[in-house]
N, C-alpha and C. Protein backbone atom coordinates (compact mmCIF):
# COMPACT_ATOMS: atom_id res chain seq x y z
N UNK A 1 0.83 -1.20 0.00
CA UNK A 1 0.00 0.00 0.00
C UNK A 1 0.87 1.26 0.00
N UNK A 2 2.03 1.15 0.67
CA UNK A 2 2.93 2.30 0.70
C UNK A 2 3.43 2.65 -0.70
N UNK A 3 3.68 1.62 -1.51
CA UNK A 3 4.13 1.87 -2.89
C UNK A 3 3.08 2.64 -3.68
N UNK A 4 1.83 2.33 -3.45
CA UNK A 4 0.75 3.01 -4.17
C UNK A 4 0.71 4.48 -3.77
N UNK A 5 0.86 4.77 -2.48
CA UNK A 5 0.85 6.16 -2.02
C UNK A 5 2.02 6.94 -2.61
N UNK A 6 3.18 6.33 -2.64
CA UNK A 6 4.35 6.99 -3.21
C UNK A 6 4.14 7.22 -4.71
N UNK A 7 3.59 6.23 -5.39
CA UNK A 7 3.34 6.36 -6.83
C UNK A 7 2.33 7.46 -7.11
N UNK A 8 1.29 7.54 -6.29
CA UNK A 8 0.28 8.59 -6.47
C UNK A 8 0.91 9.96 -6.23
N UNK A 9 1.75 10.07 -5.23
CA UNK A 9 2.42 11.35 -4.94
C UNK A 9 3.35 11.72 -6.11
N UNK A 10 4.08 10.75 -6.63
CA UNK A 10 4.94 11.02 -7.78
C UNK A 10 4.11 11.47 -8.98
N UNK A 11 2.98 10.82 -9.18
CA UNK A 11 2.10 11.20 -10.28
C UNK A 11 1.61 12.64 -10.12
N UNK A 12 1.27 13.03 -8.90
CA UNK A 12 0.84 14.41 -8.65
C UNK A 12 1.97 15.40 -8.95
N UNK A 13 3.18 15.06 -8.53
CA UNK A 13 4.32 15.93 -8.80
C UNK A 13 4.60 16.04 -10.30
N UNK A 14 4.48 14.93 -10.99
CA UNK A 14 4.68 14.95 -12.44
C UNK A 14 3.61 15.80 -13.14
N UNK A 15 2.39 15.71 -12.66
CA UNK A 15 1.32 16.54 -13.23
C UNK A 15 1.59 18.02 -12.98
N UNK A 16 2.15 18.35 -11.82
CA UNK A 16 2.53 19.73 -11.55
C UNK A 16 3.63 20.20 -12.50
N UNK A 17 4.60 19.33 -12.74
CA UNK A 17 5.69 19.66 -13.67
C UNK A 17 5.14 19.90 -15.06
N UNK A 18 4.25 19.02 -15.50
CA UNK A 18 3.66 19.17 -16.84
C UNK A 18 2.88 20.48 -16.93
N UNK A 19 2.11 20.79 -15.90
CA UNK A 19 1.33 22.03 -15.90
C UNK A 19 2.25 23.26 -15.93
N UNK A 20 3.34 23.19 -15.17
CA UNK A 20 4.28 24.32 -15.13
C UNK A 20 4.97 24.50 -16.49
N UNK A 21 5.38 23.41 -17.13
CA UNK A 21 6.02 23.51 -18.44
C UNK A 21 5.02 24.04 -19.48
N UNK A 22 3.78 23.62 -19.36
CA UNK A 22 2.75 24.11 -20.27
C UNK A 22 2.52 25.61 -20.07
N UNK A 23 2.56 26.04 -18.82
CA UNK A 23 2.42 27.47 -18.53
C UNK A 23 3.59 28.26 -19.12
N UNK A 24 4.80 27.72 -19.01
CA UNK A 24 5.96 28.38 -19.60
C UNK A 24 5.82 28.48 -21.12
N UNK A 25 5.28 27.43 -21.72
CA UNK A 25 5.08 27.45 -23.18
C UNK A 25 4.06 28.54 -23.56
N UNK A 26 3.01 28.66 -22.79
CA UNK A 26 2.00 29.70 -23.07
C UNK A 26 2.61 31.09 -22.91
N UNK A 27 3.43 31.28 -21.89
CA UNK A 27 4.08 32.58 -21.69
C UNK A 27 5.05 32.88 -22.83
N UNK A 28 5.72 31.86 -23.33
CA UNK A 28 6.62 32.05 -24.46
C UNK A 28 5.85 32.54 -25.67
N UNK A 29 4.70 31.95 -25.92
CA UNK A 29 3.87 32.40 -27.04
C UNK A 29 3.39 33.83 -26.83
N UNK A 30 3.02 34.17 -25.61
CA UNK A 30 2.57 35.54 -25.33
C UNK A 30 3.68 36.55 -25.60
N UNK A 31 4.89 36.22 -25.17
CA UNK A 31 6.02 37.12 -25.40
C UNK A 31 6.32 37.25 -26.89
N UNK A 32 6.23 36.16 -27.62
CA UNK A 32 6.48 36.21 -29.06
C UNK A 32 5.47 37.11 -29.75
N UNK A 33 4.20 36.95 -29.41
CA UNK A 33 3.16 37.80 -30.01
C UNK A 33 3.40 39.26 -29.65
N UNK A 34 3.75 39.51 -28.40
CA UNK A 34 3.99 40.88 -27.95
C UNK A 34 5.13 41.52 -28.74
N UNK A 35 6.24 40.81 -28.89
CA UNK A 35 7.38 41.38 -29.61
C UNK A 35 7.09 41.57 -31.09
N UNK A 36 6.45 40.60 -31.71
CA UNK A 36 6.11 40.74 -33.13
C UNK A 36 5.12 41.89 -33.33
N UNK A 37 4.13 41.98 -32.46
CA UNK A 37 3.16 43.08 -32.57
C UNK A 37 3.84 44.43 -32.36
N UNK A 38 4.79 44.51 -31.46
CA UNK A 38 5.50 45.77 -31.22
C UNK A 38 6.31 46.18 -32.45
N UNK A 39 6.99 45.24 -33.07
CA UNK A 39 7.79 45.55 -34.26
C UNK A 39 6.88 45.97 -35.42
N UNK A 40 5.81 45.24 -35.63
CA UNK A 40 4.89 45.57 -36.73
C UNK A 40 4.20 46.91 -36.48
N UNK A 41 3.80 47.15 -35.23
CA UNK A 41 3.16 48.43 -34.90
C UNK A 41 4.12 49.58 -35.10
N UNK A 42 5.36 49.40 -34.66
CA UNK A 42 6.37 50.45 -34.86
C UNK A 42 6.58 50.72 -36.35
N UNK A 43 6.51 49.68 -37.16
CA UNK A 43 6.67 49.85 -38.61
C UNK A 43 5.51 50.65 -39.19
N UNK A 44 4.28 50.29 -38.82
CA UNK A 44 3.11 50.95 -39.38
C UNK A 44 2.92 52.38 -38.88
N UNK A 45 3.39 52.67 -37.69
CA UNK A 45 3.24 54.03 -37.16
C UNK A 45 4.46 54.89 -37.45
N UNK A 46 5.36 54.36 -38.27
CA UNK A 46 6.58 55.07 -38.67
C UNK A 46 7.46 55.47 -37.49
N UNK A 47 7.39 54.69 -36.42
CA UNK A 47 8.27 54.92 -35.27
C UNK A 47 9.69 54.47 -35.60
N UNK A 48 9.80 53.49 -36.47
CA UNK A 48 11.10 53.03 -36.96
C UNK A 48 11.03 52.98 -38.48
N UNK A 49 12.13 53.31 -39.09
CA UNK A 49 12.21 53.26 -40.54
C UNK A 49 12.89 51.95 -40.92
N UNK A 50 12.09 50.99 -41.35
CA UNK A 50 12.62 49.69 -41.73
C UNK A 50 12.17 49.34 -43.14
N UNK A 51 13.05 48.70 -43.83
CA UNK A 51 12.69 48.10 -45.10
C UNK A 51 11.72 46.97 -44.75
N UNK A 52 10.64 46.79 -45.49
CA UNK A 52 9.69 45.72 -45.17
C UNK A 52 10.32 44.33 -45.14
N UNK A 53 11.35 44.13 -45.96
CA UNK A 53 12.04 42.85 -45.94
C UNK A 53 12.80 42.65 -44.63
N UNK A 54 13.39 43.71 -44.12
CA UNK A 54 14.09 43.65 -42.82
C UNK A 54 13.07 43.39 -41.71
N UNK A 55 11.91 44.02 -41.82
CA UNK A 55 10.85 43.78 -40.84
C UNK A 55 10.48 42.30 -40.81
N UNK A 56 10.26 41.72 -41.98
CA UNK A 56 9.90 40.32 -42.05
C UNK A 56 11.02 39.45 -41.49
N UNK A 57 12.27 39.80 -41.79
CA UNK A 57 13.41 39.06 -41.27
C UNK A 57 13.43 39.11 -39.74
N UNK A 58 13.17 40.28 -39.16
CA UNK A 58 13.10 40.40 -37.70
C UNK A 58 12.00 39.52 -37.11
N UNK A 59 10.87 39.50 -37.78
CA UNK A 59 9.76 38.68 -37.31
C UNK A 59 10.12 37.20 -37.37
N UNK A 60 10.72 36.77 -38.45
CA UNK A 60 11.10 35.36 -38.59
C UNK A 60 12.15 34.97 -37.55
N UNK A 61 13.15 35.81 -37.35
CA UNK A 61 14.18 35.53 -36.34
C UNK A 61 13.55 35.46 -34.94
N UNK A 62 12.65 36.38 -34.64
CA UNK A 62 11.96 36.37 -33.35
C UNK A 62 11.18 35.06 -33.18
N UNK A 63 10.45 34.68 -34.21
CA UNK A 63 9.67 33.43 -34.15
C UNK A 63 10.59 32.23 -33.97
N UNK A 64 11.71 32.22 -34.68
CA UNK A 64 12.63 31.09 -34.56
C UNK A 64 13.20 30.99 -33.15
N UNK A 65 13.60 32.12 -32.58
CA UNK A 65 14.16 32.09 -31.22
C UNK A 65 13.14 31.62 -30.19
N UNK A 66 11.93 32.12 -30.30
CA UNK A 66 10.90 31.69 -29.36
C UNK A 66 10.48 30.24 -29.61
N UNK A 67 10.52 29.80 -30.85
CA UNK A 67 10.26 28.40 -31.16
C UNK A 67 11.28 27.50 -30.47
N UNK A 68 12.53 27.91 -30.49
CA UNK A 68 13.59 27.15 -29.83
C UNK A 68 13.36 27.09 -28.32
N UNK A 69 13.02 28.24 -27.72
CA UNK A 69 12.76 28.27 -26.27
C UNK A 69 11.56 27.39 -25.93
N UNK A 70 10.51 27.49 -26.72
CA UNK A 70 9.33 26.66 -26.44
C UNK A 70 9.62 25.18 -26.63
N UNK A 71 10.47 24.86 -27.58
CA UNK A 71 10.84 23.46 -27.80
C UNK A 71 11.56 22.89 -26.57
N UNK A 72 12.35 23.69 -25.91
CA UNK A 72 13.01 23.23 -24.68
C UNK A 72 11.97 22.90 -23.62
N UNK A 73 11.00 23.80 -23.44
CA UNK A 73 9.94 23.53 -22.47
C UNK A 73 9.12 22.30 -22.88
N UNK A 74 8.84 22.19 -24.18
CA UNK A 74 8.09 21.04 -24.67
C UNK A 74 8.84 19.74 -24.48
N UNK A 75 10.15 19.79 -24.64
CA UNK A 75 10.97 18.61 -24.43
C UNK A 75 10.89 18.16 -22.98
N UNK A 76 11.02 19.11 -22.06
CA UNK A 76 10.93 18.78 -20.63
C UNK A 76 9.54 18.25 -20.28
N UNK A 77 8.53 18.84 -20.87
CA UNK A 77 7.16 18.36 -20.65
C UNK A 77 7.02 16.93 -21.16
N UNK A 78 7.63 16.63 -22.28
CA UNK A 78 7.58 15.28 -22.83
C UNK A 78 8.26 14.26 -21.92
N UNK A 79 9.37 14.65 -21.30
CA UNK A 79 10.03 13.75 -20.35
C UNK A 79 9.11 13.42 -19.18
N UNK A 80 8.42 14.45 -18.66
CA UNK A 80 7.50 14.23 -17.55
C UNK A 80 6.32 13.36 -17.99
N UNK A 81 5.84 13.57 -19.21
CA UNK A 81 4.74 12.74 -19.72
C UNK A 81 5.16 11.29 -19.87
N UNK A 82 6.39 11.06 -20.32
CA UNK A 82 6.88 9.69 -20.45
C UNK A 82 6.92 8.99 -19.09
N UNK A 83 7.43 9.70 -18.08
CA UNK A 83 7.48 9.11 -16.74
C UNK A 83 6.08 8.90 -16.19
N UNK A 84 5.16 9.80 -16.50
CA UNK A 84 3.78 9.66 -16.06
C UNK A 84 3.17 8.37 -16.60
N UNK A 85 3.45 8.07 -17.86
CA UNK A 85 2.93 6.82 -18.45
C UNK A 85 3.47 5.60 -17.71
N UNK A 86 4.73 5.63 -17.32
CA UNK A 86 5.32 4.51 -16.58
C UNK A 86 4.64 4.34 -15.23
N UNK A 87 4.46 5.46 -14.51
CA UNK A 87 3.83 5.40 -13.19
C UNK A 87 2.38 4.96 -13.31
N UNK A 88 1.66 5.47 -14.29
CA UNK A 88 0.26 5.09 -14.47
C UNK A 88 0.13 3.60 -14.77
N UNK A 89 1.01 3.08 -15.61
CA UNK A 89 0.92 1.65 -15.92
C UNK A 89 1.24 0.80 -14.69
N UNK A 90 2.15 1.26 -13.84
CA UNK A 90 2.45 0.54 -12.60
C UNK A 90 1.26 0.60 -11.64
N UNK A 91 0.57 1.72 -11.62
CA UNK A 91 -0.59 1.87 -10.73
C UNK A 91 -1.77 0.99 -11.16
N UNK A 92 -1.82 0.64 -12.42
CA UNK A 92 -2.92 -0.20 -12.89
C UNK A 92 -2.80 -1.63 -12.38
N UNK A 93 -1.62 -2.00 -11.96
CA UNK A 93 -1.41 -3.35 -11.42
C UNK A 93 -1.82 -3.35 -9.94
N UNK A 94 -2.15 -4.48 -9.44
CA UNK A 94 -2.57 -4.61 -8.04
C UNK A 94 -1.39 -4.31 -7.13
N UNK A 95 -1.54 -3.32 -6.27
CA UNK A 95 -0.52 -2.93 -5.29
C UNK A 95 0.78 -2.45 -5.93
N UNK A 96 0.75 -2.10 -7.21
CA UNK A 96 1.89 -1.53 -7.92
C UNK A 96 3.19 -2.30 -7.74
N UNK A 97 3.22 -3.60 -8.08
CA UNK A 97 4.44 -4.38 -7.85
C UNK A 97 5.62 -3.97 -8.74
N UNK A 98 5.36 -3.39 -9.91
CA UNK A 98 6.46 -3.02 -10.80
C UNK A 98 6.85 -1.55 -10.68
N UNK A 99 6.27 -0.87 -9.71
CA UNK A 99 6.60 0.55 -9.52
C UNK A 99 8.06 0.66 -9.09
N UNK A 100 8.82 1.51 -9.78
CA UNK A 100 10.26 1.62 -9.53
C UNK A 100 10.66 3.00 -9.03
N UNK A 101 9.78 3.68 -8.38
CA UNK A 101 10.05 5.08 -8.06
C UNK A 101 10.19 5.35 -6.59
N UNK A 102 10.21 6.59 -6.27
CA UNK A 102 10.06 7.76 -7.14
C UNK A 102 11.35 8.03 -7.93
N UNK A 103 11.18 8.41 -9.19
CA UNK A 103 12.32 8.64 -10.07
C UNK A 103 12.12 9.90 -10.91
N UNK A 104 11.60 10.94 -10.32
CA UNK A 104 11.35 12.17 -11.07
C UNK A 104 12.67 12.77 -11.56
N UNK A 105 13.65 12.85 -10.69
CA UNK A 105 14.94 13.43 -11.07
C UNK A 105 15.56 12.67 -12.24
N UNK A 106 15.55 11.36 -12.16
CA UNK A 106 16.13 10.56 -13.24
C UNK A 106 15.37 10.78 -14.55
N UNK A 107 14.08 10.87 -14.46
CA UNK A 107 13.26 11.04 -15.66
C UNK A 107 13.47 12.40 -16.31
N UNK A 108 13.72 13.43 -15.50
CA UNK A 108 13.83 14.80 -16.02
C UNK A 108 15.25 15.18 -16.42
N UNK A 109 16.21 14.29 -16.23
CA UNK A 109 17.60 14.65 -16.51
C UNK A 109 18.06 14.30 -17.91
N UNK A 110 17.17 13.97 -18.78
CA UNK A 110 17.58 13.62 -20.13
C UNK A 110 18.35 14.75 -20.79
N UNK A 111 19.48 14.41 -21.36
CA UNK A 111 20.31 15.40 -22.02
C UNK A 111 19.64 15.85 -23.31
N UNK A 112 19.66 17.14 -23.55
CA UNK A 112 19.03 17.67 -24.76
C UNK A 112 20.01 17.47 -25.91
N UNK A 113 19.58 16.68 -26.87
CA UNK A 113 20.38 16.44 -28.07
C UNK A 113 19.67 17.07 -29.27
N UNK A 114 20.39 17.15 -30.36
CA UNK A 114 19.81 17.75 -31.56
C UNK A 114 18.58 16.98 -32.02
N UNK A 115 18.65 15.65 -32.00
CA UNK A 115 17.50 14.87 -32.47
C UNK A 115 16.29 15.05 -31.55
N UNK A 116 16.53 15.15 -30.24
CA UNK A 116 15.41 15.37 -29.31
C UNK A 116 14.80 16.76 -29.50
N UNK A 117 15.64 17.76 -29.77
CA UNK A 117 15.12 19.10 -30.02
C UNK A 117 14.31 19.14 -31.32
N UNK A 118 14.81 18.45 -32.33
CA UNK A 118 14.07 18.40 -33.60
C UNK A 118 12.72 17.73 -33.40
N UNK A 119 12.69 16.67 -32.61
CA UNK A 119 11.41 16.02 -32.30
C UNK A 119 10.47 16.97 -31.58
N UNK A 120 11.00 17.75 -30.64
CA UNK A 120 10.16 18.71 -29.90
C UNK A 120 9.65 19.81 -30.82
N UNK A 121 10.49 20.25 -31.74
CA UNK A 121 10.08 21.31 -32.67
C UNK A 121 9.06 20.78 -33.67
N UNK A 122 9.19 19.52 -34.06
CA UNK A 122 8.26 18.93 -35.04
C UNK A 122 6.85 18.79 -34.52
N UNK A 123 6.67 18.87 -33.24
CA UNK A 123 5.33 18.74 -32.68
C UNK A 123 4.48 19.91 -33.19
N UNK A 124 3.35 19.62 -33.83
CA UNK A 124 2.53 20.69 -34.42
C UNK A 124 2.12 21.77 -33.42
N UNK A 125 1.96 21.38 -32.16
CA UNK A 125 1.58 22.36 -31.15
C UNK A 125 2.69 23.39 -30.95
N UNK A 126 3.88 23.03 -31.32
CA UNK A 126 5.02 23.92 -31.16
C UNK A 126 5.22 24.79 -32.41
N UNK A 127 5.43 24.18 -33.57
CA UNK A 127 5.80 24.95 -34.75
C UNK A 127 4.63 25.62 -35.44
N UNK A 128 3.43 25.08 -35.31
CA UNK A 128 2.29 25.63 -36.02
C UNK A 128 2.01 27.08 -35.67
N UNK A 129 2.06 27.39 -34.40
CA UNK A 129 1.80 28.75 -33.94
C UNK A 129 2.81 29.73 -34.53
N UNK A 130 4.09 29.36 -34.52
CA UNK A 130 5.13 30.27 -34.99
C UNK A 130 5.12 30.42 -36.51
N UNK A 131 4.70 29.40 -37.20
CA UNK A 131 4.55 29.51 -38.66
C UNK A 131 3.47 30.54 -38.99
N UNK A 132 2.35 30.46 -38.29
CA UNK A 132 1.26 31.42 -38.51
C UNK A 132 1.71 32.82 -38.11
N UNK A 133 2.42 32.93 -36.98
CA UNK A 133 2.89 34.24 -36.52
C UNK A 133 3.87 34.85 -37.52
N UNK A 134 4.77 34.05 -38.07
CA UNK A 134 5.73 34.56 -39.06
C UNK A 134 4.98 35.01 -40.33
N UNK A 135 3.96 34.26 -40.71
CA UNK A 135 3.17 34.64 -41.88
C UNK A 135 2.46 35.97 -41.64
N UNK A 136 1.81 36.08 -40.48
CA UNK A 136 1.10 37.33 -40.16
C UNK A 136 2.07 38.50 -40.02
N UNK A 137 3.24 38.24 -39.48
CA UNK A 137 4.24 39.29 -39.35
C UNK A 137 4.78 39.72 -40.70
N UNK A 138 4.72 38.84 -41.70
CA UNK A 138 5.18 39.18 -43.04
C UNK A 138 4.14 39.90 -43.88
N UNK A 139 2.92 39.96 -43.41
CA UNK A 139 1.86 40.65 -44.17
C UNK A 139 2.17 42.13 -44.42
N UNK A 140 2.76 42.87 -43.46
CA UNK A 140 3.07 44.27 -43.76
C UNK A 140 3.98 44.42 -44.97
N UNK A 141 4.93 43.50 -45.16
CA UNK A 141 5.79 43.58 -46.33
C UNK A 141 4.96 43.39 -47.59
N UNK A 142 4.03 42.45 -47.56
CA UNK A 142 3.17 42.22 -48.71
C UNK A 142 2.32 43.46 -49.00
N UNK A 143 1.74 44.05 -47.95
CA UNK A 143 0.92 45.25 -48.15
C UNK A 143 1.78 46.41 -48.68
N UNK A 144 2.99 46.51 -48.17
CA UNK A 144 3.89 47.58 -48.62
C UNK A 144 4.25 47.39 -50.09
N UNK A 145 4.52 46.17 -50.51
CA UNK A 145 4.85 45.90 -51.89
C UNK A 145 3.67 46.14 -52.82
N UNK A 146 2.46 45.79 -52.35
CA UNK A 146 1.27 46.00 -53.16
C UNK A 146 0.93 47.48 -53.30
N UNK A 147 1.28 48.27 -52.29
CA UNK A 147 0.96 49.70 -52.31
C UNK A 147 1.87 50.46 -53.25
N UNK A 148 3.00 49.89 -53.60
CA UNK A 148 3.95 50.62 -54.47
C UNK A 148 3.56 50.53 -55.92
């Protein structure tokens, strides 16, 4: 019975980690939108004199940097989700005989490699938002070119 209590506590901690990483991802998106909106607004109000192509380049670089930061949070969230699946499957057994925890530290210490980052970036929840943001940030260049 003690193993079940420990497993349930580990599961609660993992859910907190997942929620915190998800919150960080949402904040990353908010900051990206804020910065892109500030640059585009400054362009349209003539607060800065930028070539529309430079504006689009700034937007794309901003999106790429925030995509990278969000991918790190998404990667950590994925590690916690993987451990959650292990704990949940152990809890489904009677008295959790195969439970091997608590192992939160071990589960969250995965080294970030290029292939793991690419997997995190490939997740549509990660790249889809930034693709749309880069497209919307590039619209002023399109409007500027059409106006000429």
